Amino acid sequence: NRLAEAVTHGTGAFEMRRELLGPTHPSTLVAQANVANYLYSLGRLAESEAMLRDVLAQSAGQPAQAMGLSQPQLRANLAGTLRKRGKLIEAEATAREALALVNANVSPFTEASIRSVLGMVLIDQRRDAEAAVALQRALDIRSERLKPDHPDVVVTRNELDAVKRRLARQ
């Protein structure tokens, strides 16, 4: 839980890989995506957003298996960052782009993550009925694969229950 150190060391690894391997090498992009995630966790959202956008731009056209990165997951991470920055329209569009990329090769956990982010964006937009659908699907996916007390299941269930309560009051 030493995120500031993780940013420092991760940034060093990213910069070294960029210099030695180039900006589009899969190892460089994975290191950059990791730094973006650390920055997000530290609340340095503008920096995280910029790095995620750069990873997406640098990885465009590269096969996912060569990348070691999931384009849908990268877009889900960007959507979550945009949501936290209050850019709800762009966050929704980015989450929907991520969903459009979901196919048989995408991990069910990635799909659940995308649907969860989309649900949270829709909640922020006060579109609870649509949010309930997205969160229910995320919960179904997670519940099929994880124990009932897993944090991802618990958080998704709590968010869905809160949405359902609001809908019932309407």
N, C-alpha and C. Protein backbone atom coordinates (compact mmCIF):
# COMPACT_ATOMS: atom_id res chain seq x y z
N ASN A 1 0.83 -1.20 0.00
CA ASN A 1 0.00 0.00 0.00
C ASN A 1 0.87 1.26 0.00
N ARG A 2 2.00 1.20 -0.65
CA ARG A 2 2.92 2.33 -0.74
C ARG A 2 2.88 2.86 -2.17
N LEU A 3 1.77 3.50 -2.47
CA LEU A 3 1.50 3.90 -3.85
C LEU A 3 2.45 4.97 -4.37
N ALA A 4 2.85 5.89 -3.52
CA ALA A 4 3.77 6.94 -3.99
C ALA A 4 5.09 6.30 -4.44
N GLU A 5 5.56 5.30 -3.71
CA GLU A 5 6.77 4.59 -4.13
C GLU A 5 6.52 3.80 -5.41
N ALA A 6 5.33 3.22 -5.50
CA ALA A 6 4.99 2.47 -6.72
C ALA A 6 5.01 3.38 -7.93
N VAL A 7 4.53 4.60 -7.78
CA VAL A 7 4.56 5.56 -8.89
C VAL A 7 6.01 5.86 -9.27
N THR A 8 6.83 6.11 -8.27
CA THR A 8 8.24 6.45 -8.54
C THR A 8 8.94 5.30 -9.27
N HIS A 9 8.84 4.11 -8.72
CA HIS A 9 9.52 2.96 -9.32
C HIS A 9 8.88 2.57 -10.66
N GLY A 10 7.55 2.60 -10.70
CA GLY A 10 6.85 2.27 -11.94
C GLY A 10 7.19 3.24 -13.06
N THR A 11 7.27 4.52 -12.71
CA THR A 11 7.62 5.53 -13.71
C THR A 11 9.04 5.29 -14.23
N GLY A 12 9.94 4.95 -13.33
CA GLY A 12 11.30 4.64 -13.76
C GLY A 12 11.34 3.45 -14.71
N ALA A 13 10.58 2.41 -14.38
CA ALA A 13 10.53 1.22 -15.25
C ALA A 13 9.92 1.58 -16.60
N PHE A 14 8.85 2.36 -16.57
CA PHE A 14 8.20 2.77 -17.81
C PHE A 14 9.16 3.58 -18.68
N GLU A 15 9.83 4.58 -18.09
CA GLU A 15 10.74 5.44 -18.86
C GLU A 15 11.92 4.65 -19.42
N MET A 16 12.43 3.70 -18.64
CA MET A 16 13.54 2.88 -19.11
C MET A 16 13.09 2.01 -20.29
N ARG A 17 11.93 1.42 -20.17
CA ARG A 17 11.42 0.59 -21.26
C ARG A 17 11.14 1.43 -22.51
N ARG A 18 10.60 2.61 -22.30
CA ARG A 18 10.32 3.48 -23.44
C ARG A 18 11.61 3.83 -24.18
N GLU A 19 12.66 4.11 -23.40
CA GLU A 19 13.94 4.46 -24.01
C GLU A 19 14.59 3.27 -24.71
N LEU A 20 14.55 2.10 -24.08
CA LEU A 20 15.22 0.92 -24.63
C LEU A 20 14.40 0.19 -25.69
N LEU A 21 13.09 0.11 -25.48
CA LEU A 21 12.24 -0.70 -26.34
C LEU A 21 11.36 0.10 -27.29
N GLY A 22 11.17 1.36 -26.97
CA GLY A 22 10.30 2.21 -27.79
C GLY A 22 8.93 2.38 -27.15
N PRO A 23 8.20 3.40 -27.57
CA PRO A 23 6.93 3.75 -26.93
C PRO A 23 5.78 2.78 -27.20
N THR A 24 5.89 1.96 -28.25
CA THR A 24 4.78 1.07 -28.58
C THR A 24 5.06 -0.39 -28.22
N HIS A 25 6.20 -0.66 -27.61
CA HIS A 25 6.52 -2.04 -27.23
C HIS A 25 5.55 -2.48 -26.13
N PRO A 26 5.05 -3.71 -26.21
CA PRO A 26 4.09 -4.18 -25.20
C PRO A 26 4.56 -4.01 -23.76
N SER A 27 5.84 -4.28 -23.48
CA SER A 27 6.34 -4.12 -22.11
C SER A 27 6.30 -2.66 -21.66
N THR A 28 6.56 -1.75 -22.58
CA THR A 28 6.50 -0.33 -22.28
C THR A 28 5.06 0.06 -21.93
N LEU A 29 4.13 -0.41 -22.74
CA LEU A 29 2.72 -0.03 -22.55
C LEU A 29 2.14 -0.63 -21.27
N VAL A 30 2.54 -1.84 -20.94
CA VAL A 30 2.08 -2.45 -19.68
C VAL A 30 2.60 -1.63 -18.50
N ALA A 31 3.87 -1.26 -18.54
CA ALA A 31 4.45 -0.44 -17.47
C ALA A 31 3.73 0.90 -17.35
N GLN A 32 3.41 1.51 -18.49
CA GLN A 32 2.71 2.79 -18.49
C GLN A 32 1.29 2.64 -17.92
N ALA A 33 0.60 1.59 -18.31
CA ALA A 33 -0.75 1.34 -17.79
C ALA A 33 -0.71 1.12 -16.28
N ASN A 34 0.32 0.44 -15.80
CA ASN A 34 0.45 0.23 -14.35
C ASN A 34 0.63 1.56 -13.63
N VAL A 35 1.45 2.43 -14.16
CA VAL A 35 1.65 3.74 -13.54
C VAL A 35 0.34 4.51 -13.54
N ALA A 36 -0.40 4.44 -14.63
CA ALA A 36 -1.70 5.13 -14.69
C ALA A 36 -2.63 4.63 -13.59
N ASN A 37 -2.62 3.33 -13.34
CA ASN A 37 -3.47 2.77 -12.28
C ASN A 37 -3.02 3.24 -10.89
N TYR A 38 -1.70 3.32 -10.67
CA TYR A 38 -1.21 3.82 -9.38
C TYR A 38 -1.63 5.28 -9.19
N LEU A 39 -1.50 6.08 -10.25
CA LEU A 39 -1.88 7.49 -10.18
C LEU A 39 -3.37 7.62 -9.86
N TYR A 40 -4.19 6.78 -10.47
CA TYR A 40 -5.63 6.79 -10.18
C TYR A 40 -5.85 6.54 -8.69
N SER A 41 -5.18 5.52 -8.17
CA SER A 41 -5.36 5.17 -6.76
C SER A 41 -4.91 6.29 -5.82
N LEU A 42 -3.96 7.09 -6.27
CA LEU A 42 -3.51 8.24 -5.48
C LEU A 42 -4.40 9.47 -5.65
N GLY A 43 -5.37 9.37 -6.55
CA GLY A 43 -6.24 10.52 -6.81
C GLY A 43 -5.67 11.51 -7.78
N ARG A 44 -4.60 11.15 -8.44
CA ARG A 44 -3.99 12.03 -9.44
C ARG A 44 -4.62 11.70 -10.80
N LEU A 45 -5.88 12.11 -10.90
CA LEU A 45 -6.74 11.67 -11.99
C LEU A 45 -6.37 12.24 -13.34
N ALA A 46 -5.98 13.50 -13.39
CA ALA A 46 -5.61 14.10 -14.68
C ALA A 46 -4.40 13.39 -15.27
N GLU A 47 -3.42 13.08 -14.42
CA GLU A 47 -2.23 12.36 -14.90
C GLU A 47 -2.58 10.94 -15.34
N SER A 48 -3.44 10.29 -14.56
CA SER A 48 -3.87 8.94 -14.91
C SER A 48 -4.60 8.95 -16.26
N GLU A 49 -5.49 9.89 -16.42
CA GLU A 49 -6.23 10.00 -17.68
C GLU A 49 -5.28 10.18 -18.86
N ALA A 50 -4.33 11.09 -18.72
CA ALA A 50 -3.39 11.35 -19.81
C ALA A 50 -2.59 10.09 -20.16
N MET A 51 -2.15 9.38 -19.16
CA MET A 51 -1.35 8.17 -19.42
C MET A 51 -2.21 7.09 -20.07
N LEU A 52 -3.44 6.91 -19.60
CA LEU A 52 -4.32 5.90 -20.20
C LEU A 52 -4.63 6.25 -21.66
N ARG A 53 -4.87 7.52 -21.92
CA ARG A 53 -5.11 7.94 -23.30
C ARG A 53 -3.89 7.64 -24.18
N ASP A 54 -2.71 7.88 -23.64
CA ASP A 54 -1.49 7.62 -24.39
C ASP A 54 -1.31 6.12 -24.63
N VAL A 55 -1.57 5.30 -23.63
CA VAL A 55 -1.48 3.85 -23.82
C VAL A 55 -2.44 3.39 -24.91
N LEU A 56 -3.66 3.89 -24.87
CA LEU A 56 -4.64 3.51 -25.90
C LEU A 56 -4.18 3.96 -27.28
N ALA A 57 -3.65 5.16 -27.38
CA ALA A 57 -3.17 5.65 -28.68
C ALA A 57 -1.97 4.84 -29.17
N GLN A 58 -1.04 4.56 -28.27
CA GLN A 58 0.17 3.83 -28.66
C GLN A 58 -0.12 2.37 -29.02
N SER A 59 -1.16 1.82 -28.43
CA SER A 59 -1.46 0.41 -28.65
C SER A 59 -2.46 0.18 -29.78
N ALA A 60 -2.95 1.24 -30.38
CA ALA A 60 -3.95 1.12 -31.45
C ALA A 60 -3.39 0.23 -32.57
N GLY A 61 -4.19 -0.72 -32.97
CA GLY A 61 -3.82 -1.57 -34.09
C GLY A 61 -2.95 -2.76 -33.71
N GLN A 62 -2.49 -2.83 -32.47
CA GLN A 62 -1.69 -3.98 -32.06
C GLN A 62 -2.60 -5.09 -31.58
N PRO A 63 -2.28 -6.34 -31.90
CA PRO A 63 -3.11 -7.44 -31.43
C PRO A 63 -3.07 -7.54 -29.90
N ALA A 64 -4.22 -7.80 -29.30
CA ALA A 64 -4.33 -7.84 -27.85
C ALA A 64 -3.39 -8.86 -27.23
N GLN A 65 -3.24 -10.03 -27.85
CA GLN A 65 -2.40 -11.05 -27.25
C GLN A 65 -0.93 -10.62 -27.27
N ALA A 66 -0.52 -9.85 -28.24
CA ALA A 66 0.86 -9.37 -28.28
C ALA A 66 1.06 -8.27 -27.25
N MET A 67 0.01 -7.57 -26.95
CA MET A 67 0.09 -6.44 -26.03
C MET A 67 0.21 -6.87 -24.58
N GLY A 68 -0.46 -7.95 -24.23
CA GLY A 68 -0.53 -8.28 -22.82
C GLY A 68 -1.49 -7.35 -22.10
N LEU A 69 -2.22 -6.57 -22.86
CA LEU A 69 -3.20 -5.64 -22.31
C LEU A 69 -4.55 -5.90 -22.95
N SER A 70 -5.57 -5.65 -22.20
CA SER A 70 -6.92 -5.79 -22.72
C SER A 70 -7.45 -4.40 -23.09
N GLN A 71 -7.72 -4.19 -24.38
CA GLN A 71 -8.28 -2.91 -24.80
C GLN A 71 -9.58 -2.61 -24.06
N PRO A 72 -10.49 -3.59 -23.89
CA PRO A 72 -11.70 -3.28 -23.13
C PRO A 72 -11.38 -2.86 -21.69
N GLN A 73 -10.41 -3.51 -21.04
CA GLN A 73 -10.08 -3.14 -19.66
C GLN A 73 -9.43 -1.76 -19.60
N LEU A 74 -8.56 -1.46 -20.55
CA LEU A 74 -7.97 -0.12 -20.59
C LEU A 74 -9.06 0.94 -20.73
N ARG A 75 -10.03 0.68 -21.60
CA ARG A 75 -11.13 1.64 -21.78
C ARG A 75 -11.99 1.73 -20.52
N ALA A 76 -12.19 0.60 -19.84
CA ALA A 76 -12.94 0.63 -18.58
C ALA A 76 -12.20 1.47 -17.54
N ASN A 77 -10.87 1.31 -17.48
CA ASN A 77 -10.08 2.12 -16.55
C ASN A 77 -10.19 3.60 -16.89
N LEU A 78 -10.13 3.91 -18.19
CA LEU A 78 -10.27 5.30 -18.61
C LEU A 78 -11.67 5.82 -18.26
N ALA A 79 -12.68 5.01 -18.49
CA ALA A 79 -14.05 5.43 -18.16
C ALA A 79 -14.19 5.72 -16.67
N GLY A 80 -13.59 4.87 -15.84
CA GLY A 80 -13.63 5.11 -14.39
C GLY A 80 -12.93 6.40 -14.00
N THR A 81 -11.81 6.67 -14.65
CA THR A 81 -11.07 7.90 -14.38
C THR A 81 -11.88 9.12 -14.82
N LEU A 82 -12.48 9.03 -16.00
CA LEU A 82 -13.30 10.13 -16.50
C LEU A 82 -14.49 10.37 -15.57
N ARG A 83 -15.09 9.30 -15.08
CA ARG A 83 -16.21 9.43 -14.14
C ARG A 83 -15.77 10.19 -12.90
N LYS A 84 -14.65 9.81 -12.33
CA LYS A 84 -14.15 10.48 -11.12
C LYS A 84 -13.84 11.95 -11.38
N ARG A 85 -13.50 12.27 -12.63
CA ARG A 85 -13.19 13.66 -12.99
C ARG A 85 -14.46 14.45 -13.34
N GLY A 86 -15.63 13.77 -13.29
CA GLY A 86 -16.88 14.45 -13.58
C GLY A 86 -17.20 14.56 -15.06
N LYS A 87 -16.47 13.86 -15.89
CA LYS A 87 -16.69 13.87 -17.33
C LYS A 87 -17.63 12.72 -17.70
N LEU A 88 -18.88 12.85 -17.28
CA LEU A 88 -19.81 11.72 -17.33
C LEU A 88 -20.22 11.31 -18.74
N ILE A 89 -20.41 12.26 -19.63
CA ILE A 89 -20.80 11.93 -21.00
C ILE A 89 -19.68 11.13 -21.67
N GLU A 90 -18.46 11.60 -21.52
CA GLU A 90 -17.32 10.90 -22.12
C GLU A 90 -17.07 9.56 -21.43
N ALA A 91 -17.29 9.52 -20.12
CA ALA A 91 -17.12 8.26 -19.38
C ALA A 91 -18.11 7.21 -19.88
N GLU A 92 -19.36 7.62 -20.09
CA GLU A 92 -20.36 6.68 -20.59
C GLU A 92 -19.98 6.19 -21.98
N ALA A 93 -19.60 7.11 -22.86
CA ALA A 93 -19.23 6.72 -24.22
C ALA A 93 -18.04 5.76 -24.21
N THR A 94 -17.07 6.01 -23.36
CA THR A 94 -15.88 5.16 -23.27
C THR A 94 -16.24 3.78 -22.74
N ALA A 95 -17.11 3.72 -21.73
CA ALA A 95 -17.55 2.43 -21.21
C ALA A 95 -18.33 1.64 -22.26
N ARG A 96 -19.15 2.34 -23.02
CA ARG A 96 -19.90 1.65 -24.08
C ARG A 96 -18.97 1.17 -25.19
N GLU A 97 -17.91 1.94 -25.50
CA GLU A 97 -16.90 1.48 -26.46
C GLU A 97 -16.24 0.20 -25.95
N ALA A 98 -15.95 0.17 -24.67
CA ALA A 98 -15.33 -1.01 -24.07
C ALA A 98 -16.25 -2.21 -24.19
N LEU A 99 -17.55 -2.01 -23.92
CA LEU A 99 -18.51 -3.11 -24.04
C LEU A 99 -18.59 -3.63 -25.46
N ALA A 100 -18.49 -2.73 -26.42
CA ALA A 100 -18.56 -3.14 -27.83
C ALA A 100 -17.38 -4.02 -28.21
N LEU A 101 -16.28 -3.93 -27.46
CA LEU A 101 -15.10 -4.74 -27.74
C LEU A 101 -15.12 -6.10 -27.04
N VAL A 102 -16.10 -6.31 -26.18
CA VAL A 102 -16.18 -7.58 -25.46
C VAL A 102 -16.53 -8.69 -26.45
N ASN A 103 -15.73 -9.74 -26.39
CA ASN A 103 -15.99 -10.92 -27.22
C ASN A 103 -15.57 -12.15 -26.43
N ALA A 104 -15.54 -13.29 -27.09
CA ALA A 104 -15.25 -14.54 -26.40
C ALA A 104 -13.85 -14.58 -25.80
N ASN A 105 -12.95 -13.76 -26.31
CA ASN A 105 -11.57 -13.75 -25.80
C ASN A 105 -11.39 -12.85 -24.57
N VAL A 106 -12.41 -12.09 -24.24
CA VAL A 106 -12.31 -11.15 -23.12
C VAL A 106 -12.73 -11.86 -21.84
N SER A 107 -11.95 -11.65 -20.80
CA SER A 107 -12.25 -12.25 -19.50
C SER A 107 -13.63 -11.80 -19.01
N PRO A 108 -14.38 -12.71 -18.41
CA PRO A 108 -15.67 -12.30 -17.82
C PRO A 108 -15.48 -11.22 -16.75
N PHE A 109 -14.35 -11.25 -16.06
CA PHE A 109 -14.09 -10.22 -15.04
C PHE A 109 -13.94 -8.84 -15.68
N THR A 110 -13.38 -8.80 -16.87
CA THR A 110 -13.27 -7.54 -17.58
C THR A 110 -14.66 -7.04 -17.96
N GLU A 111 -15.49 -7.93 -18.47
CA GLU A 111 -16.86 -7.53 -18.80
C GLU A 111 -17.59 -7.02 -17.56
N ALA A 112 -17.44 -7.71 -16.44
CA ALA A 112 -18.08 -7.27 -15.20
C ALA A 112 -17.57 -5.91 -14.78
N SER A 113 -16.27 -5.69 -14.92
CA SER A 113 -15.68 -4.40 -14.57
C SER A 113 -16.27 -3.29 -15.44
N ILE A 114 -16.37 -3.54 -16.72
CA ILE A 114 -16.92 -2.54 -17.64
C ILE A 114 -18.37 -2.23 -17.27
N ARG A 115 -19.16 -3.27 -17.05
CA ARG A 115 -20.58 -3.06 -16.72
C ARG A 115 -20.73 -2.33 -15.39
N SER A 116 -19.85 -2.61 -14.46
CA SER A 116 -19.89 -1.93 -13.17
C SER A 116 -19.58 -0.44 -13.33
N VAL A 117 -18.54 -0.14 -14.09
CA VAL A 117 -18.19 1.27 -14.34
C VAL A 117 -19.35 1.98 -15.04
N LEU A 118 -19.92 1.33 -16.05
CA LEU A 118 -21.05 1.92 -16.76
C LEU A 118 -22.21 2.17 -15.80
N GLY A 119 -22.48 1.20 -14.94
CA GLY A 119 -23.55 1.37 -13.95
C GLY A 119 -23.31 2.57 -13.05
N MET A 120 -22.07 2.75 -12.61
CA MET A 120 -21.76 3.88 -11.74
C MET A 120 -21.89 5.21 -12.48
N VAL A 121 -21.50 5.23 -13.73
CA VAL A 121 -21.66 6.45 -14.54
C VAL A 121 -23.14 6.78 -14.68
N LEU A 122 -23.95 5.77 -14.95
CA LEU A 122 -25.38 5.98 -15.11
C LEU A 122 -26.03 6.44 -13.80
N ILE A 123 -25.56 5.92 -12.68
CA ILE A 123 -26.04 6.40 -11.38
C ILE A 123 -25.73 7.89 -11.23
N ASP A 124 -24.49 8.26 -11.56
CA ASP A 124 -24.09 9.67 -11.46
C ASP A 124 -24.95 10.56 -12.35
N GLN A 125 -25.46 9.99 -13.44
CA GLN A 125 -26.32 10.74 -14.36
C GLN A 125 -27.79 10.64 -13.96
N ARG A 126 -28.06 9.99 -12.84
CA ARG A 126 -29.41 9.79 -12.32
C ARG A 126 -30.28 8.97 -13.27
N ARG A 127 -29.67 8.00 -13.89
CA ARG A 127 -30.36 7.09 -14.81
C ARG A 127 -30.38 5.71 -14.15
N ASP A 128 -31.12 5.65 -13.03
CA ASP A 128 -31.08 4.47 -12.17
C ASP A 128 -31.60 3.20 -12.83
N ALA A 129 -32.62 3.29 -13.66
CA ALA A 129 -33.16 2.08 -14.29
C ALA A 129 -32.10 1.43 -15.19
N GLU A 130 -31.40 2.24 -15.97
CA GLU A 130 -30.33 1.72 -16.83
C GLU A 130 -29.16 1.22 -15.99
N ALA A 131 -28.86 1.94 -14.91
CA ALA A 131 -27.77 1.53 -14.03
C ALA A 131 -28.06 0.17 -13.41
N ALA A 132 -29.32 -0.05 -13.03
CA ALA A 132 -29.69 -1.33 -12.42
C ALA A 132 -29.43 -2.49 -13.37
N VAL A 133 -29.71 -2.30 -14.65
CA VAL A 133 -29.47 -3.36 -15.64
C VAL A 133 -27.97 -3.66 -15.74
N ALA A 134 -27.16 -2.62 -15.84
CA ALA A 134 -25.71 -2.81 -15.97
C ALA A 134 -25.14 -3.46 -14.71
N LEU A 135 -25.55 -2.98 -13.55
CA LEU A 135 -25.04 -3.54 -12.29
C LEU A 135 -25.52 -4.97 -12.06
N GLN A 136 -26.74 -5.26 -12.46
CA GLN A 136 -27.24 -6.63 -12.29
C GLN A 136 -26.41 -7.60 -13.11
N ARG A 137 -26.09 -7.22 -14.33
CA ARG A 137 -25.27 -8.11 -15.18
C ARG A 137 -23.87 -8.26 -14.59
N ALA A 138 -23.30 -7.16 -14.09
CA ALA A 138 -21.98 -7.24 -13.45
C ALA A 138 -22.04 -8.17 -12.24
N LEU A 139 -23.09 -8.05 -11.45
CA LEU A 139 -23.24 -8.91 -10.28
C LEU A 139 -23.41 -10.37 -10.68
N ASP A 140 -24.21 -10.63 -11.71
CA ASP A 140 -24.40 -12.00 -12.18
C ASP A 140 -23.07 -12.63 -12.58
N ILE A 141 -22.28 -11.90 -13.35
CA ILE A 141 -20.98 -12.41 -13.81
C ILE A 141 -20.08 -12.69 -12.61
N ARG A 142 -20.01 -11.74 -11.70
CA ARG A 142 -19.13 -11.91 -10.54
C ARG A 142 -19.61 -13.02 -9.62
N SER A 143 -20.92 -13.11 -9.41
CA SER A 143 -21.47 -14.12 -8.51
C SER A 143 -21.26 -15.54 -9.03
N GLU A 144 -21.23 -15.69 -10.35
CA GLU A 144 -20.99 -17.02 -10.94
C GLU A 144 -19.57 -17.50 -10.68
N ARG A 145 -18.65 -16.58 -10.46
CA ARG A 145 -17.23 -16.93 -10.41
C ARG A 145 -16.55 -16.69 -9.07
N LEU A 146 -17.16 -15.89 -8.24
CA LEU A 146 -16.54 -15.50 -6.97
C LEU A 146 -17.44 -15.88 -5.80
N LYS A 147 -16.85 -15.95 -4.64
CA LYS A 147 -17.62 -16.25 -3.42
C LYS A 147 -18.51 -15.07 -3.06
N PRO A 148 -19.62 -15.33 -2.37
CA PRO A 148 -20.55 -14.24 -2.03
C PRO A 148 -19.94 -13.12 -1.20
N ASP A 149 -18.88 -13.41 -0.45
CA ASP A 149 -18.27 -12.38 0.39
C ASP A 149 -17.07 -11.71 -0.27
N HIS A 150 -16.82 -12.01 -1.54
CA HIS A 150 -15.72 -11.35 -2.25
C HIS A 150 -16.04 -9.86 -2.36
N PRO A 151 -15.03 -9.00 -2.15
CA PRO A 151 -15.28 -7.54 -2.18
C PRO A 151 -15.97 -7.05 -3.45
N ASP A 152 -15.60 -7.59 -4.61
CA ASP A 152 -16.25 -7.14 -5.85
C ASP A 152 -17.73 -7.49 -5.87
N VAL A 153 -18.08 -8.65 -5.35
CA VAL A 153 -19.48 -9.07 -5.28
C VAL A 153 -20.23 -8.19 -4.29
N VAL A 154 -19.64 -7.97 -3.12
CA VAL A 154 -20.29 -7.18 -2.07
C VAL A 154 -20.53 -5.74 -2.54
N VAL A 155 -19.52 -5.12 -3.12
CA VAL A 155 -19.66 -3.72 -3.57
C VAL A 155 -20.72 -3.61 -4.66
N THR A 156 -20.67 -4.53 -5.63
CA THR A 156 -21.65 -4.48 -6.72
C THR A 156 -23.06 -4.70 -6.18
N ARG A 157 -23.21 -5.67 -5.27
CA ARG A 157 -24.54 -5.94 -4.68
C ARG A 157 -25.03 -4.72 -3.92
N ASN A 158 -24.16 -4.08 -3.15
CA ASN A 158 -24.57 -2.89 -2.39
C ASN A 158 -25.00 -1.76 -3.31
N GLU A 159 -24.25 -1.52 -4.37
CA GLU A 159 -24.62 -0.47 -5.33
C GLU A 159 -25.96 -0.79 -5.99
N LEU A 160 -26.14 -2.04 -6.38
CA LEU A 160 -27.40 -2.45 -7.01
C LEU A 160 -28.57 -2.31 -6.04
N ASP A 161 -28.37 -2.72 -4.79
CA ASP A 161 -29.44 -2.59 -3.79
C ASP A 161 -29.82 -1.13 -3.58
N ALA A 162 -28.84 -0.24 -3.55
CA ALA A 162 -29.12 1.19 -3.37
C ALA A 162 -29.93 1.73 -4.55
N VAL A 163 -29.58 1.32 -5.76
CA VAL A 163 -30.31 1.75 -6.95
C VAL A 163 -31.74 1.23 -6.90
N LYS A 164 -31.90 -0.03 -6.53
CA LYS A 164 -33.25 -0.61 -6.46
C LYS A 164 -34.10 0.10 -5.41
N ARG A 165 -33.50 0.48 -4.29
CA ARG A 165 -34.26 1.22 -3.27
C ARG A 165 -34.71 2.57 -3.82
N ARG A 166 -33.82 3.27 -4.53
CA ARG A 166 -34.21 4.56 -5.12
C ARG A 166 -35.32 4.38 -6.14
N LEU A 167 -35.23 3.35 -6.95
CA LEU A 167 -36.26 3.08 -7.95
C LEU A 167 -37.60 2.76 -7.29
N ALA A 168 -37.57 2.04 -6.20
CA ALA A 168 -38.80 1.68 -5.48
C ALA A 168 -39.48 2.90 -4.89
N ARG A 169 -38.71 3.91 -4.53
CA ARG A 169 -39.28 5.14 -3.94
C ARG A 169 -39.88 6.04 -4.99
N GLN A 170 -39.55 5.81 -6.25
CA GLN A 170 -40.04 6.71 -7.31
C GLN A 170 -41.47 6.40 -7.68
